[in-house]
Amino acid sequence: MLKTFWDIIKTTVIALPIGLYTTFKHVFKKPVTKKYPKAKSEMMPRYRGLHYLERYDDGTERCVCCGLCAAACPADAIYMEPDENEKGERFAKVYEINMIRCIFCGFCEEACPEEAIFLGHEFELANDNRDGFIYSKDDMLVEHPRKDRPYKTIYRRTRRHSM
C-alpha cells in the first residue's frame, strides 16, 4: 500500500507541471473565435450542405422526376411524384427531402442526369419543429433570375429540345 501511495505522489508531481505548462502556453496566444452571426466561415469547395434544385436559363426547373436520385439515396430520404405539363414534358409535382434522414453523401447529386439537384454550402439547418426538416420543391428551387454565383459548375447549360 505504501508503494502505490508513492506512485500516486510521483505521478502527480510529474503530471501537474506538464498540465500547467500546456495551459500557460495557450494563455497568451490570440484567440481564434469568430463573431459567428456577423462573420460566417467560408466553407471548403467540396463541402456538402443544404440541397437546392437548379433551373434552366429560361426559368423552368431542370428536374424531370426520373427517380434516379431517390434510387441512389442510401437513406431513402427523397420522395417524388411525377407529372406532365401541356407540352408533354415531365416535371416533379412533389419533390421532398427529409433532412433528418439525409446523410449528405452526395449520391443524389451524382445520379442526376439533368444536373438538377446540388448540395450547396448552406450549413445552418437548425429548426425547432420536425416538420421543418422536410424540404419541399418550393424550398429548394433557386430564384430566377439567379442573383448569386452558383456553387457548382453546370456543364450542360442549354435546354435540350425534343424534335
N, C-alpha and C. Protein backbone atom coordinates (compact mmCIF):
# COMPACT_ATOMS: atom_id res chain seq x y z
N MET A 1 0.82 -1.18 0.00
CA MET A 1 0.00 0.00 0.00
C MET A 1 0.87 1.26 0.00
N LEU A 2 1.95 1.20 0.67
CA LEU A 2 2.85 2.34 0.71
C LEU A 2 3.47 2.61 -0.66
N LYS A 3 3.73 1.54 -1.40
CA LYS A 3 4.32 1.69 -2.72
C LYS A 3 3.34 2.39 -3.67
N THR A 4 2.08 2.04 -3.65
CA THR A 4 1.10 2.71 -4.52
C THR A 4 0.92 4.16 -4.12
N PHE A 5 1.02 4.46 -2.82
CA PHE A 5 0.90 5.85 -2.37
C PHE A 5 2.02 6.69 -2.96
N TRP A 6 3.25 6.20 -2.95
CA TRP A 6 4.37 6.94 -3.52
C TRP A 6 4.27 7.03 -5.04
N ASP A 7 3.71 6.02 -5.69
CA ASP A 7 3.49 6.08 -7.14
C ASP A 7 2.49 7.18 -7.49
N ILE A 8 1.46 7.31 -6.70
CA ILE A 8 0.47 8.35 -6.93
C ILE A 8 1.09 9.73 -6.74
N ILE A 9 1.85 9.90 -5.69
CA ILE A 9 2.50 11.18 -5.42
C ILE A 9 3.47 11.53 -6.56
N LYS A 10 4.27 10.55 -7.00
CA LYS A 10 5.24 10.79 -8.05
C LYS A 10 4.55 11.15 -9.37
N THR A 11 3.47 10.46 -9.68
CA THR A 11 2.72 10.74 -10.90
C THR A 11 2.12 12.14 -10.85
N THR A 12 1.61 12.53 -9.70
CA THR A 12 1.02 13.85 -9.55
C THR A 12 2.07 14.95 -9.67
N VAL A 13 3.20 14.74 -9.09
CA VAL A 13 4.26 15.73 -9.14
C VAL A 13 4.76 15.92 -10.58
N ILE A 14 4.72 14.88 -11.38
CA ILE A 14 5.16 14.98 -12.77
C ILE A 14 4.04 15.50 -13.67
N ALA A 15 2.81 15.02 -13.48
CA ALA A 15 1.69 15.36 -14.37
C ALA A 15 1.20 16.78 -14.17
N LEU A 16 1.20 17.27 -12.95
CA LEU A 16 0.69 18.60 -12.68
C LEU A 16 1.49 19.70 -13.38
N PRO A 17 2.80 19.71 -13.33
CA PRO A 17 3.53 20.76 -14.08
C PRO A 17 3.37 20.64 -15.59
N ILE A 18 3.23 19.44 -16.12
CA ILE A 18 3.02 19.29 -17.56
C ILE A 18 1.68 19.90 -17.96
N GLY A 19 0.64 19.65 -17.18
CA GLY A 19 -0.67 20.22 -17.47
C GLY A 19 -0.68 21.73 -17.34
N LEU A 20 -0.02 22.25 -16.33
CA LEU A 20 0.04 23.70 -16.16
C LEU A 20 0.86 24.35 -17.27
N TYR A 21 1.92 23.69 -17.73
CA TYR A 21 2.71 24.22 -18.84
C TYR A 21 1.84 24.36 -20.09
N THR A 22 1.01 23.33 -20.38
CA THR A 22 0.13 23.38 -21.55
C THR A 22 -0.87 24.51 -21.42
N THR A 23 -1.41 24.71 -20.23
CA THR A 23 -2.37 25.79 -20.01
C THR A 23 -1.74 27.15 -20.21
N PHE A 24 -0.59 27.39 -19.57
CA PHE A 24 0.05 28.69 -19.68
C PHE A 24 0.60 28.97 -21.07
N LYS A 25 0.88 27.94 -21.82
CA LYS A 25 1.36 28.11 -23.19
C LYS A 25 0.28 28.75 -24.07
N HIS A 26 -0.99 28.43 -23.82
CA HIS A 26 -2.10 28.93 -24.64
C HIS A 26 -2.74 30.19 -24.09
N VAL A 27 -2.37 30.62 -22.89
CA VAL A 27 -2.99 31.80 -22.28
C VAL A 27 -2.65 33.06 -23.07
N PHE A 28 -1.46 33.20 -23.56
CA PHE A 28 -1.02 34.43 -24.19
C PHE A 28 -1.17 34.43 -25.70
N LYS A 29 -1.75 33.38 -26.27
CA LYS A 29 -1.98 33.35 -27.72
C LYS A 29 -3.28 34.09 -28.05
N LYS A 30 -3.35 34.60 -29.26
CA LYS A 30 -4.54 35.30 -29.72
C LYS A 30 -5.67 34.28 -29.94
N PRO A 31 -6.87 34.55 -29.46
CA PRO A 31 -7.98 33.60 -29.64
C PRO A 31 -8.40 33.53 -31.12
N VAL A 32 -8.95 32.39 -31.51
CA VAL A 32 -9.38 32.19 -32.89
C VAL A 32 -10.91 32.22 -33.01
N THR A 33 -11.56 32.81 -32.04
CA THR A 33 -13.02 32.89 -32.05
C THR A 33 -13.48 33.86 -33.12
N LYS A 34 -14.57 33.49 -33.83
CA LYS A 34 -15.15 34.36 -34.85
C LYS A 34 -16.47 34.91 -34.33
N LYS A 35 -16.84 36.06 -34.79
CA LYS A 35 -18.13 36.66 -34.45
C LYS A 35 -19.18 36.02 -35.36
N TYR A 36 -19.71 34.85 -34.95
CA TYR A 36 -20.44 33.97 -35.86
C TYR A 36 -21.61 34.59 -36.61
N PRO A 37 -22.60 35.14 -36.00
CA PRO A 37 -23.71 35.56 -36.87
C PRO A 37 -23.32 36.63 -37.87
N LYS A 38 -22.36 37.48 -37.51
CA LYS A 38 -21.97 38.56 -38.41
C LYS A 38 -20.91 38.12 -39.41
N ALA A 39 -19.97 37.31 -38.97
CA ALA A 39 -18.89 36.85 -39.84
C ALA A 39 -18.95 35.33 -39.93
N LYS A 40 -19.43 34.82 -41.07
CA LYS A 40 -19.54 33.38 -41.25
C LYS A 40 -18.27 32.82 -41.86
N SER A 41 -17.98 31.59 -41.53
CA SER A 41 -16.80 30.93 -42.06
C SER A 41 -17.02 30.56 -43.52
N GLU A 42 -15.96 30.64 -44.30
CA GLU A 42 -16.02 30.21 -45.70
C GLU A 42 -15.87 28.69 -45.72
N MET A 43 -16.80 28.02 -46.37
CA MET A 43 -16.77 26.56 -46.41
C MET A 43 -15.82 26.09 -47.52
N MET A 44 -15.31 24.91 -47.34
CA MET A 44 -14.43 24.32 -48.34
C MET A 44 -15.22 24.03 -49.62
N PRO A 45 -14.59 24.02 -50.78
CA PRO A 45 -15.32 23.82 -52.04
C PRO A 45 -16.05 22.48 -52.12
N ARG A 46 -15.55 21.46 -51.47
CA ARG A 46 -16.18 20.14 -51.55
C ARG A 46 -17.18 19.89 -50.44
N TYR A 47 -17.50 20.90 -49.63
CA TYR A 47 -18.45 20.75 -48.54
C TYR A 47 -19.84 20.48 -49.11
N ARG A 48 -20.57 19.58 -48.50
CA ARG A 48 -21.92 19.25 -48.94
C ARG A 48 -22.91 19.65 -47.85
N GLY A 49 -23.71 20.65 -48.16
CA GLY A 49 -24.67 21.16 -47.19
C GLY A 49 -26.09 20.99 -47.69
N LEU A 50 -26.87 22.03 -47.54
CA LEU A 50 -28.29 22.01 -47.89
C LEU A 50 -28.49 21.80 -49.39
N HIS A 51 -29.49 21.00 -49.74
CA HIS A 51 -29.80 20.70 -51.14
C HIS A 51 -30.48 21.90 -51.80
N TYR A 52 -30.27 22.06 -53.09
CA TYR A 52 -31.04 23.03 -53.86
C TYR A 52 -31.25 22.47 -55.26
N LEU A 53 -32.35 22.88 -55.87
CA LEU A 53 -32.72 22.45 -57.22
C LEU A 53 -32.42 23.59 -58.19
N GLU A 54 -31.72 23.27 -59.23
CA GLU A 54 -31.28 24.25 -60.22
C GLU A 54 -32.36 24.43 -61.28
N ARG A 55 -32.32 25.57 -61.96
CA ARG A 55 -33.24 25.87 -63.06
C ARG A 55 -32.47 26.03 -64.36
N TYR A 56 -33.20 25.95 -65.47
CA TYR A 56 -32.62 26.30 -66.77
C TYR A 56 -32.52 27.81 -66.87
N ASP A 57 -31.87 28.29 -67.91
CA ASP A 57 -31.71 29.73 -68.10
C ASP A 57 -33.04 30.43 -68.35
N ASP A 58 -34.03 29.70 -68.90
CA ASP A 58 -35.33 30.32 -69.15
C ASP A 58 -36.24 30.29 -67.92
N GLY A 59 -35.79 29.71 -66.81
CA GLY A 59 -36.55 29.72 -65.57
C GLY A 59 -37.28 28.44 -65.25
N THR A 60 -37.36 27.52 -66.19
CA THR A 60 -38.03 26.26 -65.90
C THR A 60 -37.11 25.36 -65.08
N GLU A 61 -37.72 24.49 -64.32
CA GLU A 61 -36.92 23.63 -63.45
C GLU A 61 -36.26 22.50 -64.23
N ARG A 62 -35.11 22.09 -63.80
CA ARG A 62 -34.33 21.08 -64.51
C ARG A 62 -34.81 19.66 -64.20
N CYS A 63 -35.39 19.46 -63.05
CA CYS A 63 -35.77 18.10 -62.62
C CYS A 63 -36.89 17.55 -63.50
N VAL A 64 -36.66 16.36 -64.05
CA VAL A 64 -37.66 15.68 -64.86
C VAL A 64 -38.28 14.51 -64.11
N CYS A 65 -38.00 14.41 -62.82
CA CYS A 65 -38.57 13.40 -61.94
C CYS A 65 -38.31 11.98 -62.47
N CYS A 66 -37.06 11.71 -62.81
CA CYS A 66 -36.71 10.39 -63.30
C CYS A 66 -36.59 9.37 -62.17
N GLY A 67 -36.35 9.84 -60.95
CA GLY A 67 -36.28 8.95 -59.80
C GLY A 67 -34.91 8.38 -59.53
N LEU A 68 -33.91 8.77 -60.30
CA LEU A 68 -32.56 8.23 -60.07
C LEU A 68 -31.96 8.72 -58.76
N CYS A 69 -32.26 9.95 -58.39
CA CYS A 69 -31.71 10.47 -57.13
C CYS A 69 -32.34 9.73 -55.95
N ALA A 70 -33.63 9.44 -56.03
CA ALA A 70 -34.29 8.70 -54.95
C ALA A 70 -33.79 7.26 -54.89
N ALA A 71 -33.49 6.68 -56.03
CA ALA A 71 -32.97 5.31 -56.05
C ALA A 71 -31.54 5.25 -55.53
N ALA A 72 -30.77 6.30 -55.77
CA ALA A 72 -29.37 6.32 -55.33
C ALA A 72 -29.22 6.66 -53.86
N CYS A 73 -30.23 7.23 -53.25
CA CYS A 73 -30.15 7.68 -51.86
C CYS A 73 -30.12 6.48 -50.91
N PRO A 74 -29.01 6.26 -50.19
CA PRO A 74 -28.94 5.11 -49.29
C PRO A 74 -29.81 5.26 -48.05
N ALA A 75 -30.19 6.48 -47.70
CA ALA A 75 -31.01 6.71 -46.51
C ALA A 75 -32.49 6.78 -46.84
N ASP A 76 -32.86 6.67 -48.11
CA ASP A 76 -34.24 6.76 -48.57
C ASP A 76 -34.89 8.06 -48.08
N ALA A 77 -34.20 9.16 -48.28
CA ALA A 77 -34.66 10.45 -47.79
C ALA A 77 -35.41 11.26 -48.84
N ILE A 78 -35.43 10.81 -50.10
CA ILE A 78 -36.04 11.59 -51.18
C ILE A 78 -37.35 10.95 -51.61
N TYR A 79 -38.40 11.76 -51.69
CA TYR A 79 -39.72 11.32 -52.16
C TYR A 79 -40.13 12.23 -53.29
N MET A 80 -40.62 11.65 -54.38
CA MET A 80 -41.05 12.45 -55.53
C MET A 80 -42.24 11.81 -56.23
N GLU A 81 -43.05 12.67 -56.82
CA GLU A 81 -44.18 12.25 -57.65
C GLU A 81 -44.09 12.97 -58.99
N PRO A 82 -44.13 12.25 -60.11
CA PRO A 82 -44.02 12.90 -61.42
C PRO A 82 -45.35 13.44 -61.92
N ASP A 83 -45.25 14.36 -62.87
CA ASP A 83 -46.42 14.89 -63.56
C ASP A 83 -45.94 15.40 -64.91
N GLU A 84 -46.88 15.68 -65.81
CA GLU A 84 -46.53 16.21 -67.13
C GLU A 84 -47.25 17.52 -67.37
N ASN A 85 -46.59 18.43 -68.08
CA ASN A 85 -47.24 19.69 -68.42
C ASN A 85 -47.96 19.54 -69.75
N GLU A 86 -48.51 20.63 -70.27
CA GLU A 86 -49.29 20.57 -71.52
C GLU A 86 -48.44 20.25 -72.74
N LYS A 87 -47.12 20.47 -72.68
CA LYS A 87 -46.23 20.13 -73.79
C LYS A 87 -45.80 18.66 -73.76
N GLY A 88 -46.14 17.96 -72.68
CA GLY A 88 -45.74 16.56 -72.55
C GLY A 88 -44.41 16.37 -71.84
N GLU A 89 -43.87 17.45 -71.28
CA GLU A 89 -42.59 17.36 -70.57
C GLU A 89 -42.85 16.98 -69.11
N ARG A 90 -41.99 16.10 -68.61
CA ARG A 90 -42.14 15.66 -67.22
C ARG A 90 -41.52 16.67 -66.27
N PHE A 91 -42.12 16.76 -65.10
CA PHE A 91 -41.57 17.57 -64.03
C PHE A 91 -42.00 16.94 -62.71
N ALA A 92 -41.40 17.38 -61.63
CA ALA A 92 -41.72 16.84 -60.31
C ALA A 92 -42.88 17.61 -59.72
N LYS A 93 -44.02 16.96 -59.59
CA LYS A 93 -45.16 17.59 -58.93
C LYS A 93 -44.87 17.73 -57.44
N VAL A 94 -44.34 16.66 -56.85
CA VAL A 94 -43.94 16.66 -55.44
C VAL A 94 -42.48 16.24 -55.39
N TYR A 95 -41.66 17.02 -54.73
CA TYR A 95 -40.26 16.67 -54.53
C TYR A 95 -39.91 17.06 -53.10
N GLU A 96 -39.65 16.07 -52.26
CA GLU A 96 -39.36 16.33 -50.85
C GLU A 96 -38.10 15.59 -50.43
N ILE A 97 -37.32 16.25 -49.59
CA ILE A 97 -36.14 15.61 -48.98
C ILE A 97 -36.28 15.74 -47.48
N ASN A 98 -36.20 14.60 -46.81
CA ASN A 98 -36.25 14.56 -45.36
C ASN A 98 -34.83 14.74 -44.84
N MET A 99 -34.52 15.92 -44.32
CA MET A 99 -33.16 16.23 -43.88
C MET A 99 -32.76 15.49 -42.61
N ILE A 100 -33.73 14.98 -41.88
CA ILE A 100 -33.39 14.19 -40.69
C ILE A 100 -32.78 12.85 -41.13
N ARG A 101 -33.25 12.32 -42.24
CA ARG A 101 -32.72 11.05 -42.73
C ARG A 101 -31.50 11.21 -43.61
N CYS A 102 -31.34 12.37 -44.23
CA CYS A 102 -30.25 12.59 -45.19
C CYS A 102 -28.89 12.48 -44.49
N ILE A 103 -27.96 11.83 -45.16
CA ILE A 103 -26.60 11.69 -44.62
C ILE A 103 -25.60 12.53 -45.41
N PHE A 104 -26.08 13.36 -46.32
CA PHE A 104 -25.26 14.30 -47.10
C PHE A 104 -24.12 13.59 -47.82
N CYS A 105 -24.42 12.47 -48.43
CA CYS A 105 -23.40 11.69 -49.13
C CYS A 105 -23.15 12.22 -50.54
N GLY A 106 -24.12 12.88 -51.15
CA GLY A 106 -23.95 13.43 -52.49
C GLY A 106 -24.28 12.45 -53.61
N PHE A 107 -24.80 11.26 -53.28
CA PHE A 107 -25.15 10.29 -54.33
C PHE A 107 -26.28 10.82 -55.21
N CYS A 108 -27.20 11.58 -54.63
CA CYS A 108 -28.30 12.14 -55.43
C CYS A 108 -27.76 13.12 -56.47
N GLU A 109 -26.77 13.87 -56.08
CA GLU A 109 -26.14 14.84 -56.99
C GLU A 109 -25.43 14.13 -58.13
N GLU A 110 -24.76 13.03 -57.83
CA GLU A 110 -24.03 12.28 -58.86
C GLU A 110 -24.96 11.51 -59.78
N ALA A 111 -26.12 11.08 -59.27
CA ALA A 111 -27.02 10.25 -60.06
C ALA A 111 -27.89 11.05 -61.02
N CYS A 112 -28.05 12.33 -60.79
CA CYS A 112 -28.98 13.14 -61.58
C CYS A 112 -28.45 13.36 -63.00
N PRO A 113 -29.15 12.88 -64.02
CA PRO A 113 -28.68 13.07 -65.40
C PRO A 113 -28.93 14.49 -65.92
N GLU A 114 -29.84 15.22 -65.31
CA GLU A 114 -30.16 16.58 -65.75
C GLU A 114 -29.41 17.65 -64.98
N GLU A 115 -28.55 17.24 -64.04
CA GLU A 115 -27.84 18.17 -63.17
C GLU A 115 -28.81 19.15 -62.52
N ALA A 116 -29.85 18.59 -61.90
CA ALA A 116 -30.89 19.41 -61.30
C ALA A 116 -30.67 19.60 -59.81
N ILE A 117 -30.17 18.60 -59.11
CA ILE A 117 -30.01 18.71 -57.67
C ILE A 117 -28.53 18.85 -57.31
N PHE A 118 -28.28 19.76 -56.40
CA PHE A 118 -26.92 20.00 -55.92
C PHE A 118 -26.94 20.15 -54.41
N LEU A 119 -25.82 19.89 -53.80
CA LEU A 119 -25.66 20.15 -52.38
C LEU A 119 -24.82 21.40 -52.25
N GLY A 120 -25.41 22.43 -51.67
CA GLY A 120 -24.76 23.73 -51.57
C GLY A 120 -23.87 23.84 -50.35
N HIS A 121 -23.56 25.06 -49.99
CA HIS A 121 -22.67 25.33 -48.86
C HIS A 121 -23.41 25.84 -47.64
N GLU A 122 -24.72 25.81 -47.65
CA GLU A 122 -25.51 26.27 -46.52
C GLU A 122 -25.42 25.25 -45.39
N PHE A 123 -25.05 25.71 -44.20
CA PHE A 123 -24.86 24.77 -43.09
C PHE A 123 -25.76 25.08 -41.90
N GLU A 124 -26.57 26.09 -41.97
CA GLU A 124 -27.47 26.42 -40.87
C GLU A 124 -28.79 25.70 -41.08
N LEU A 125 -28.91 24.52 -40.51
CA LEU A 125 -30.08 23.68 -40.73
C LEU A 125 -30.92 23.51 -39.48
N ALA A 126 -30.66 24.25 -38.44
CA ALA A 126 -31.38 24.07 -37.18
C ALA A 126 -32.84 24.47 -37.31
N ASN A 127 -33.68 23.74 -36.60
CA ASN A 127 -35.10 24.01 -36.59
C ASN A 127 -35.67 23.47 -35.29
N ASP A 128 -36.76 24.05 -34.81
CA ASP A 128 -37.36 23.57 -33.58
C ASP A 128 -38.57 22.67 -33.82
N ASN A 129 -38.85 22.36 -35.07
CA ASN A 129 -40.00 21.55 -35.43
C ASN A 129 -39.56 20.47 -36.41
N ARG A 130 -39.99 19.25 -36.18
CA ARG A 130 -39.57 18.15 -37.07
C ARG A 130 -40.09 18.33 -38.49
N ASP A 131 -41.25 18.95 -38.64
CA ASP A 131 -41.79 19.17 -39.98
C ASP A 131 -40.95 20.18 -40.76
N GLY A 132 -40.19 21.00 -40.09
CA GLY A 132 -39.34 21.98 -40.76
C GLY A 132 -38.13 21.35 -41.43
N PHE A 133 -37.85 20.10 -41.13
CA PHE A 133 -36.72 19.41 -41.74
C PHE A 133 -37.09 18.70 -43.04
N ILE A 134 -38.36 18.72 -43.41
CA ILE A 134 -38.78 18.16 -44.69
C ILE A 134 -38.86 19.31 -45.68
N TYR A 135 -37.89 19.35 -46.58
CA TYR A 135 -37.80 20.44 -47.55
C TYR A 135 -38.56 20.05 -48.81
N SER A 136 -39.45 20.92 -49.25
CA SER A 136 -40.22 20.67 -50.46
C SER A 136 -39.51 21.31 -51.66
N LYS A 137 -40.10 21.10 -52.82
CA LYS A 137 -39.52 21.64 -54.05
C LYS A 137 -39.47 23.16 -54.00
N ASP A 138 -40.48 23.79 -53.43
CA ASP A 138 -40.51 25.25 -53.35
C ASP A 138 -39.40 25.79 -52.46
N ASP A 139 -39.03 25.05 -51.43
CA ASP A 139 -37.95 25.47 -50.53
C ASP A 139 -36.58 25.37 -51.20
N MET A 140 -36.44 24.41 -52.12
CA MET A 140 -35.12 24.12 -52.69
C MET A 140 -34.86 24.78 -54.03
N LEU A 141 -35.89 25.18 -54.77
CA LEU A 141 -35.68 25.80 -56.08
C LEU A 141 -34.99 27.15 -55.93
N VAL A 142 -33.97 27.39 -56.73
CA VAL A 142 -33.29 28.68 -56.70
C VAL A 142 -34.16 29.72 -57.39
N GLU A 143 -34.01 30.97 -56.99
CA GLU A 143 -34.81 32.03 -57.59
C GLU A 143 -34.35 32.28 -59.03
N HIS A 144 -35.24 32.81 -59.81
CA HIS A 144 -34.90 33.11 -61.20
C HIS A 144 -35.22 34.56 -61.45
N PRO A 145 -34.40 35.36 -62.02
CA PRO A 145 -33.02 35.06 -62.38
C PRO A 145 -32.13 34.97 -61.14
N ARG A 146 -31.11 34.17 -61.27
CA ARG A 146 -30.22 33.90 -60.15
C ARG A 146 -29.37 35.13 -59.84
N LYS A 147 -29.34 35.50 -58.56
CA LYS A 147 -28.61 36.70 -58.16
C LYS A 147 -27.17 36.42 -57.76
N ASP A 148 -26.93 35.23 -57.21
CA ASP A 148 -25.57 34.91 -56.75
C ASP A 148 -24.94 33.89 -57.69
N ARG A 149 -23.66 33.71 -57.51
CA ARG A 149 -22.91 32.76 -58.32
C ARG A 149 -23.22 31.34 -57.84
N PRO A 150 -23.51 30.39 -58.73
CA PRO A 150 -23.78 29.02 -58.27
C PRO A 150 -22.54 28.38 -57.68
N TYR A 151 -22.75 27.48 -56.73
CA TYR A 151 -21.64 26.80 -56.09
C TYR A 151 -20.99 25.79 -57.03
N LYS A 152 -21.79 25.11 -57.82
CA LYS A 152 -21.29 24.07 -58.71
C LYS A 152 -21.37 24.55 -60.15
N THR A 153 -20.49 24.03 -60.97
CA THR A 153 -20.48 24.36 -62.38
C THR A 153 -21.40 23.40 -63.12
N ILE A 154 -22.33 23.93 -63.88
CA ILE A 154 -23.23 23.11 -64.68
C ILE A 154 -22.65 23.05 -66.07
N TYR A 155 -22.37 21.86 -66.53
CA TYR A 155 -21.72 21.70 -67.83
C TYR A 155 -22.72 21.74 -68.97
N ARG A 156 -23.94 21.27 -68.76
CA ARG A 156 -24.95 21.28 -69.80
C ARG A 156 -25.81 22.51 -69.57
N ARG A 157 -25.42 23.64 -70.14
CA ARG A 157 -26.07 24.92 -69.86
C ARG A 157 -27.40 25.10 -70.57
N THR A 158 -27.51 24.67 -71.80
CA THR A 158 -28.70 24.94 -72.58
C THR A 158 -29.71 23.82 -72.42
N ARG A 159 -30.94 24.14 -72.61
CA ARG A 159 -32.00 23.15 -72.52
C ARG A 159 -32.08 22.35 -73.80
N ARG A 160 -32.19 21.05 -73.63
CA ARG A 160 -32.30 20.18 -74.81
C ARG A 160 -33.75 20.17 -75.27
N HIS A 161 -33.96 20.48 -76.53
CA HIS A 161 -35.32 20.49 -77.09
C HIS A 161 -35.57 19.18 -77.83
N SER A 162 -36.77 18.65 -77.66
CA SER A 162 -37.13 17.42 -78.37
C SER A 162 -37.52 17.76 -79.81
N MET A 163 -37.26 16.82 -80.70
CA MET A 163 -37.52 17.07 -82.12
C MET A 163 -38.86 16.60 -82.55
